[in-house]
């Protein structure tokens, strides 16, 4: 199976990248190349959401690519969040501890509920580090 990348809602504040197929030594270049223009457009404090619902496999090369995105977003004081990982992909993240569990969400609804709680805390005067 090959790899493909789709971008939804490209904006400086929040963009979703949907990964499909296998992210491995043969496809990480396609991912990096597709993600680069998105990262260039992200503003300070923005969020990149990686939707992994259709990602069937990830290798160490794919993990390094995701780590590069996380590093680039942290440099902009932004965030990288992962949603909808399939069980086998989630297990890889758990084993290698490549992404903090707090940054992996089972669904977009779970992510939105988390973001809603954070915003309510900020409005209520309880500043929380996301």
N, C-alpha and C. Protein backbone atom coordinates (compact mmCIF):
# COMPACT_ATOMS: atom_id res chain seq x y z
N UNK A 1 0.85 -1.18 0.00
CA UNK A 1 0.00 0.00 0.00
C UNK A 1 0.89 1.24 0.00
N UNK A 2 0.51 2.23 -0.73
CA UNK A 2 1.28 3.47 -0.82
C UNK A 2 0.85 4.47 0.25
N UNK A 3 1.43 5.63 0.17
CA UNK A 3 1.14 6.68 1.14
C UNK A 3 0.55 7.88 0.41
N UNK A 4 -0.39 8.56 1.06
CA UNK A 4 -0.88 9.84 0.55
C UNK A 4 -1.18 10.75 1.73
N UNK A 5 -1.13 12.05 1.43
CA UNK A 5 -1.34 13.07 2.45
C UNK A 5 -2.35 14.07 1.93
N UNK A 6 -3.34 14.39 2.75
CA UNK A 6 -4.36 15.37 2.40
C UNK A 6 -4.40 16.44 3.48
N UNK A 7 -4.59 17.68 3.05
CA UNK A 7 -4.64 18.82 3.97
C UNK A 7 -6.06 19.35 4.05
N UNK A 8 -6.52 19.58 5.29
CA UNK A 8 -7.85 20.16 5.52
C UNK A 8 -7.69 21.43 6.33
N UNK A 9 -8.46 22.44 5.98
CA UNK A 9 -8.54 23.65 6.80
C UNK A 9 -7.23 24.37 6.99
N UNK A 10 -6.49 24.55 5.91
CA UNK A 10 -5.20 25.22 6.00
C UNK A 10 -5.37 26.65 6.49
N UNK A 11 -4.85 26.93 7.69
CA UNK A 11 -4.87 28.28 8.23
C UNK A 11 -3.67 28.41 9.16
N UNK A 12 -3.24 29.64 9.46
CA UNK A 12 -2.11 29.82 10.38
C UNK A 12 -2.40 29.34 11.80
N UNK A 13 -3.69 29.18 12.15
CA UNK A 13 -4.05 28.78 13.51
C UNK A 13 -4.17 27.27 13.68
N UNK A 14 -4.82 26.60 12.70
CA UNK A 14 -5.04 25.16 12.83
C UNK A 14 -5.18 24.53 11.46
N UNK A 15 -4.41 23.48 11.25
CA UNK A 15 -4.46 22.73 10.01
C UNK A 15 -4.46 21.25 10.33
N UNK A 16 -5.23 20.49 9.57
CA UNK A 16 -5.26 19.05 9.75
C UNK A 16 -4.60 18.38 8.55
N UNK A 17 -3.68 17.47 8.85
CA UNK A 17 -3.04 16.64 7.84
C UNK A 17 -3.58 15.23 8.01
N UNK A 18 -4.17 14.68 6.94
CA UNK A 18 -4.71 13.32 6.99
C UNK A 18 -3.73 12.39 6.28
N UNK A 19 -3.22 11.42 7.04
CA UNK A 19 -2.24 10.48 6.51
C UNK A 19 -2.94 9.19 6.12
N UNK A 20 -2.61 8.66 4.94
CA UNK A 20 -3.23 7.44 4.42
C UNK A 20 -2.14 6.45 4.02
N UNK A 21 -2.32 5.19 4.39
CA UNK A 21 -1.42 4.14 3.94
C UNK A 21 -0.31 3.84 4.92
N UNK A 22 0.91 3.75 4.38
CA UNK A 22 2.09 3.38 5.16
C UNK A 22 3.07 4.54 5.20
N UNK A 23 3.48 4.91 6.40
CA UNK A 23 4.50 5.95 6.56
C UNK A 23 5.77 5.23 6.99
N UNK A 24 6.67 5.02 6.01
CA UNK A 24 7.86 4.22 6.26
C UNK A 24 9.05 4.79 5.50
N UNK A 25 10.11 4.01 5.38
CA UNK A 25 11.34 4.46 4.73
C UNK A 25 11.12 4.83 3.26
N UNK A 26 10.12 4.26 2.63
CA UNK A 26 9.85 4.56 1.23
C UNK A 26 8.95 5.79 1.05
N UNK A 27 8.20 6.16 2.08
CA UNK A 27 7.21 7.22 1.90
C UNK A 27 7.44 8.46 2.77
N UNK A 28 8.38 8.41 3.71
CA UNK A 28 8.53 9.56 4.61
C UNK A 28 8.90 10.82 3.85
N UNK A 29 9.61 10.70 2.73
CA UNK A 29 9.95 11.87 1.92
C UNK A 29 8.72 12.55 1.36
N UNK A 30 7.73 11.74 0.96
CA UNK A 30 6.46 12.31 0.47
C UNK A 30 5.75 13.07 1.59
N UNK A 31 5.77 12.49 2.78
CA UNK A 31 5.14 13.15 3.92
C UNK A 31 5.87 14.45 4.26
N UNK A 32 7.19 14.38 4.36
CA UNK A 32 7.97 15.58 4.69
C UNK A 32 7.75 16.67 3.64
N UNK A 33 7.75 16.28 2.36
CA UNK A 33 7.55 17.25 1.28
C UNK A 33 6.16 17.86 1.29
N UNK A 34 5.15 17.07 1.63
CA UNK A 34 3.79 17.58 1.70
C UNK A 34 3.54 18.43 2.93
N UNK A 35 4.23 18.12 4.01
CA UNK A 35 4.04 18.86 5.26
C UNK A 35 4.80 20.18 5.28
N UNK A 36 5.90 20.27 4.54
CA UNK A 36 6.76 21.47 4.58
C UNK A 36 6.00 22.76 4.25
N UNK A 37 5.22 22.82 3.16
CA UNK A 37 4.50 24.07 2.88
C UNK A 37 3.45 24.40 3.94
N UNK A 38 2.88 23.38 4.56
CA UNK A 38 1.91 23.61 5.63
C UNK A 38 2.62 24.26 6.82
N UNK A 39 3.77 23.72 7.19
CA UNK A 39 4.51 24.26 8.32
C UNK A 39 4.94 25.70 8.07
N UNK A 40 5.29 26.01 6.84
CA UNK A 40 5.69 27.38 6.49
C UNK A 40 4.56 28.37 6.71
N UNK A 41 3.32 27.92 6.56
CA UNK A 41 2.17 28.82 6.71
C UNK A 41 1.63 28.90 8.13
N UNK A 42 2.12 28.05 9.01
CA UNK A 42 1.62 28.04 10.38
C UNK A 42 2.14 29.26 11.13
N UNK A 43 1.24 29.91 11.83
CA UNK A 43 1.61 31.07 12.62
C UNK A 43 2.06 30.69 14.01
N UNK A 44 2.55 31.66 14.76
CA UNK A 44 2.95 31.40 16.14
C UNK A 44 1.76 30.89 16.96
N UNK A 45 2.00 29.86 17.74
CA UNK A 45 0.94 29.32 18.58
C UNK A 45 -0.07 28.47 17.85
N UNK A 46 0.15 28.18 16.58
CA UNK A 46 -0.79 27.38 15.81
C UNK A 46 -0.74 25.90 16.18
N UNK A 47 -1.67 25.15 15.61
CA UNK A 47 -1.76 23.72 15.88
C UNK A 47 -1.85 22.93 14.59
N UNK A 48 -1.01 21.91 14.49
CA UNK A 48 -1.10 20.94 13.40
C UNK A 48 -1.73 19.68 13.98
N UNK A 49 -2.83 19.26 13.39
CA UNK A 49 -3.50 18.03 13.81
C UNK A 49 -3.17 16.96 12.77
N UNK A 50 -2.61 15.86 13.23
CA UNK A 50 -2.31 14.73 12.34
C UNK A 50 -3.41 13.70 12.54
N UNK A 51 -4.24 13.52 11.52
CA UNK A 51 -5.33 12.54 11.58
C UNK A 51 -4.79 11.22 11.04
N UNK A 52 -4.72 10.23 11.91
CA UNK A 52 -4.11 8.95 11.58
C UNK A 52 -5.12 7.84 11.33
N UNK A 53 -6.38 8.21 11.11
CA UNK A 53 -7.44 7.20 10.94
C UNK A 53 -7.14 6.24 9.80
N UNK A 54 -6.52 6.71 8.74
CA UNK A 54 -6.26 5.87 7.57
C UNK A 54 -4.78 5.47 7.46
N UNK A 55 -4.01 5.71 8.53
CA UNK A 55 -2.61 5.30 8.53
C UNK A 55 -2.54 3.87 9.05
N UNK A 56 -2.10 2.96 8.18
CA UNK A 56 -2.09 1.53 8.51
C UNK A 56 -0.80 1.07 9.17
N UNK A 57 0.29 1.82 8.96
CA UNK A 57 1.60 1.37 9.41
C UNK A 57 2.51 2.57 9.56
N UNK A 58 3.38 2.53 10.58
CA UNK A 58 4.38 3.57 10.74
C UNK A 58 5.70 2.92 11.16
N UNK A 59 6.78 3.34 10.53
CA UNK A 59 8.11 2.83 10.87
C UNK A 59 8.89 3.91 11.61
N UNK A 60 10.14 3.61 11.94
CA UNK A 60 10.98 4.60 12.62
C UNK A 60 11.19 5.83 11.75
N UNK A 61 11.22 5.66 10.44
CA UNK A 61 11.36 6.81 9.54
C UNK A 61 10.14 7.72 9.66
N UNK A 62 8.96 7.12 9.75
CA UNK A 62 7.74 7.90 9.93
C UNK A 62 7.72 8.60 11.29
N UNK A 63 8.19 7.92 12.31
CA UNK A 63 8.26 8.54 13.64
C UNK A 63 9.19 9.75 13.62
N UNK A 64 10.31 9.65 12.91
CA UNK A 64 11.24 10.79 12.81
C UNK A 64 10.57 11.97 12.10
N UNK A 65 9.79 11.68 11.07
CA UNK A 65 9.09 12.76 10.37
C UNK A 65 8.10 13.47 11.28
N UNK A 66 7.37 12.72 12.07
CA UNK A 66 6.43 13.32 13.02
C UNK A 66 7.20 14.11 14.08
N UNK A 67 8.33 13.58 14.51
CA UNK A 67 9.15 14.30 15.50
C UNK A 67 9.63 15.63 14.93
N UNK A 68 9.96 15.67 13.63
CA UNK A 68 10.39 16.93 13.01
C UNK A 68 9.26 17.95 12.99
N UNK A 69 8.05 17.49 12.72
CA UNK A 69 6.90 18.40 12.74
C UNK A 69 6.69 18.94 14.15
N UNK A 70 6.76 18.06 15.14
CA UNK A 70 6.60 18.49 16.53
C UNK A 70 7.66 19.53 16.90
N UNK A 71 8.89 19.30 16.48
CA UNK A 71 9.98 20.23 16.79
C UNK A 71 9.74 21.59 16.11
N UNK A 72 9.34 21.55 14.84
CA UNK A 72 9.07 22.80 14.12
C UNK A 72 7.93 23.58 14.77
N UNK A 73 6.90 22.90 15.22
CA UNK A 73 5.77 23.58 15.84
C UNK A 73 6.15 24.12 17.22
N UNK A 74 6.95 23.39 17.98
CA UNK A 74 7.41 23.89 19.28
C UNK A 74 8.24 25.16 19.09
N UNK A 75 9.04 25.21 18.02
CA UNK A 75 9.85 26.40 17.75
C UNK A 75 8.97 27.62 17.50
N UNK A 76 7.73 27.39 17.05
CA UNK A 76 6.76 28.47 16.83
C UNK A 76 5.83 28.63 18.02
N UNK A 77 6.17 27.99 19.13
CA UNK A 77 5.31 27.95 20.30
C UNK A 77 3.94 27.39 19.97
N UNK A 78 3.93 26.45 19.04
CA UNK A 78 2.70 25.80 18.61
C UNK A 78 2.62 24.37 19.12
N UNK A 79 1.65 23.64 18.58
CA UNK A 79 1.38 22.29 19.05
C UNK A 79 1.17 21.35 17.88
N UNK A 80 1.42 20.07 18.15
CA UNK A 80 1.14 19.00 17.20
C UNK A 80 0.32 17.97 17.96
N UNK A 81 -0.87 17.68 17.46
CA UNK A 81 -1.76 16.73 18.11
C UNK A 81 -2.08 15.61 17.13
N UNK A 82 -2.22 14.41 17.65
CA UNK A 82 -2.55 13.24 16.83
C UNK A 82 -3.93 12.75 17.20
N UNK A 83 -4.75 12.44 16.18
CA UNK A 83 -6.09 11.92 16.42
C UNK A 83 -6.32 10.66 15.61
N UNK A 84 -7.24 9.86 16.09
CA UNK A 84 -7.74 8.66 15.41
C UNK A 84 -6.70 7.61 15.07
N UNK A 85 -5.70 7.37 15.92
CA UNK A 85 -4.72 6.34 15.54
C UNK A 85 -5.34 4.95 15.56
N UNK A 86 -5.03 4.15 14.56
CA UNK A 86 -5.44 2.76 14.57
C UNK A 86 -4.68 2.05 15.69
N UNK A 87 -5.22 0.96 16.23
CA UNK A 87 -4.59 0.31 17.38
C UNK A 87 -3.10 -0.03 17.19
N UNK A 88 -2.74 -0.54 16.02
CA UNK A 88 -1.35 -0.92 15.80
C UNK A 88 -0.43 0.30 15.76
N UNK A 89 -0.90 1.42 15.24
CA UNK A 89 -0.10 2.64 15.19
C UNK A 89 -0.01 3.25 16.59
N UNK A 90 -1.11 3.26 17.30
CA UNK A 90 -1.10 3.76 18.69
C UNK A 90 -0.11 2.97 19.54
N UNK A 91 -0.06 1.65 19.33
CA UNK A 91 0.85 0.79 20.09
C UNK A 91 2.30 1.20 19.84
N UNK A 92 2.64 1.53 18.60
CA UNK A 92 4.00 1.97 18.28
C UNK A 92 4.33 3.23 19.08
N UNK A 93 3.43 4.20 19.11
CA UNK A 93 3.66 5.42 19.88
C UNK A 93 3.83 5.11 21.37
N UNK A 94 3.02 4.18 21.88
CA UNK A 94 3.14 3.81 23.28
C UNK A 94 4.48 3.17 23.59
N UNK A 95 4.93 2.29 22.71
CA UNK A 95 6.17 1.55 22.94
C UNK A 95 7.38 2.47 22.91
N UNK A 96 7.46 3.31 21.89
CA UNK A 96 8.66 4.16 21.74
C UNK A 96 8.53 5.49 22.47
N UNK A 97 7.35 5.76 23.00
CA UNK A 97 7.11 7.02 23.72
C UNK A 97 7.54 8.23 22.88
N UNK A 98 7.24 8.16 21.58
CA UNK A 98 7.61 9.22 20.65
C UNK A 98 6.76 10.46 20.82
N UNK A 99 5.54 10.28 21.29
CA UNK A 99 4.61 11.39 21.46
C UNK A 99 3.96 11.23 22.83
N UNK A 100 3.92 12.30 23.63
CA UNK A 100 3.25 12.18 24.92
C UNK A 100 1.81 11.73 24.75
N UNK A 101 1.38 10.81 25.59
CA UNK A 101 0.02 10.29 25.51
C UNK A 101 -1.01 11.41 25.54
N UNK A 102 -0.70 12.50 26.22
CA UNK A 102 -1.64 13.61 26.30
C UNK A 102 -1.84 14.30 24.96
N UNK A 103 -0.99 14.02 23.97
CA UNK A 103 -1.11 14.61 22.65
C UNK A 103 -1.78 13.67 21.64
N UNK A 104 -2.24 12.51 22.07
CA UNK A 104 -2.89 11.53 21.19
C UNK A 104 -4.34 11.39 21.62
N UNK A 105 -5.24 11.59 20.67
CA UNK A 105 -6.67 11.56 20.96
C UNK A 105 -7.34 10.48 20.12
N UNK A 106 -8.31 9.80 20.71
CA UNK A 106 -9.00 8.70 20.04
C UNK A 106 -9.89 9.16 18.90
N UNK A 107 -10.33 10.41 18.96
CA UNK A 107 -11.23 10.93 17.93
C UNK A 107 -11.13 12.45 17.89
N UNK A 108 -11.69 13.02 16.84
CA UNK A 108 -11.74 14.47 16.72
C UNK A 108 -12.63 15.03 17.83
N UNK A 109 -13.68 14.31 18.19
CA UNK A 109 -14.57 14.76 19.25
C UNK A 109 -13.82 14.85 20.58
N UNK A 110 -12.97 13.86 20.87
CA UNK A 110 -12.18 13.90 22.10
C UNK A 110 -11.22 15.08 22.09
N UNK A 111 -10.60 15.34 20.94
CA UNK A 111 -9.70 16.49 20.80
C UNK A 111 -10.47 17.78 21.03
N UNK A 112 -11.63 17.92 20.40
CA UNK A 112 -12.42 19.15 20.55
C UNK A 112 -12.87 19.36 21.99
N UNK A 113 -13.24 18.29 22.68
CA UNK A 113 -13.63 18.41 24.09
C UNK A 113 -12.45 18.88 24.93
N UNK A 114 -11.26 18.36 24.64
CA UNK A 114 -10.04 18.79 25.35
C UNK A 114 -9.78 20.27 25.11
N UNK A 115 -9.85 20.69 23.86
CA UNK A 115 -9.60 22.10 23.52
C UNK A 115 -10.64 23.00 24.17
N UNK A 116 -11.88 22.54 24.23
CA UNK A 116 -12.94 23.30 24.89
C UNK A 116 -12.63 23.49 26.38
N UNK A 117 -12.19 22.41 27.05
CA UNK A 117 -11.85 22.51 28.47
C UNK A 117 -10.71 23.50 28.69
N UNK A 118 -9.70 23.46 27.83
CA UNK A 118 -8.55 24.36 27.97
C UNK A 118 -9.01 25.81 27.84
N UNK A 119 -9.83 26.08 26.86
CA UNK A 119 -10.28 27.45 26.63
C UNK A 119 -11.14 27.94 27.80
N UNK A 120 -11.97 27.08 28.33
CA UNK A 120 -12.79 27.47 29.48
C UNK A 120 -11.92 27.77 30.69
N UNK A 121 -10.84 27.01 30.87
CA UNK A 121 -9.93 27.27 31.98
C UNK A 121 -9.26 28.62 31.83
N UNK A 122 -8.84 28.94 30.59
CA UNK A 122 -8.19 30.21 30.34
C UNK A 122 -9.16 31.36 30.61
N UNK A 123 -10.38 31.22 30.12
CA UNK A 123 -11.39 32.26 30.36
C UNK A 123 -11.72 32.39 31.83
N UNK A 124 -11.62 31.29 32.56
CA UNK A 124 -11.91 31.33 33.98
C UNK A 124 -10.72 31.77 34.82
N UNK A 125 -9.61 32.13 34.13
CA UNK A 125 -8.44 32.62 34.85
C UNK A 125 -7.46 31.54 35.27
N UNK A 126 -7.72 30.29 34.92
CA UNK A 126 -6.80 29.20 35.24
C UNK A 126 -5.98 28.89 34.01
N UNK A 127 -4.86 29.56 33.85
CA UNK A 127 -4.00 29.36 32.69
C UNK A 127 -3.40 27.96 32.74
N UNK A 128 -3.63 27.18 31.71
CA UNK A 128 -3.11 25.81 31.63
C UNK A 128 -2.15 25.73 30.47
N UNK A 129 -1.02 25.09 30.67
CA UNK A 129 -0.05 24.86 29.62
C UNK A 129 -0.53 23.69 28.78
N UNK A 130 -0.82 23.93 27.52
CA UNK A 130 -1.36 22.89 26.63
C UNK A 130 -0.22 22.10 26.06
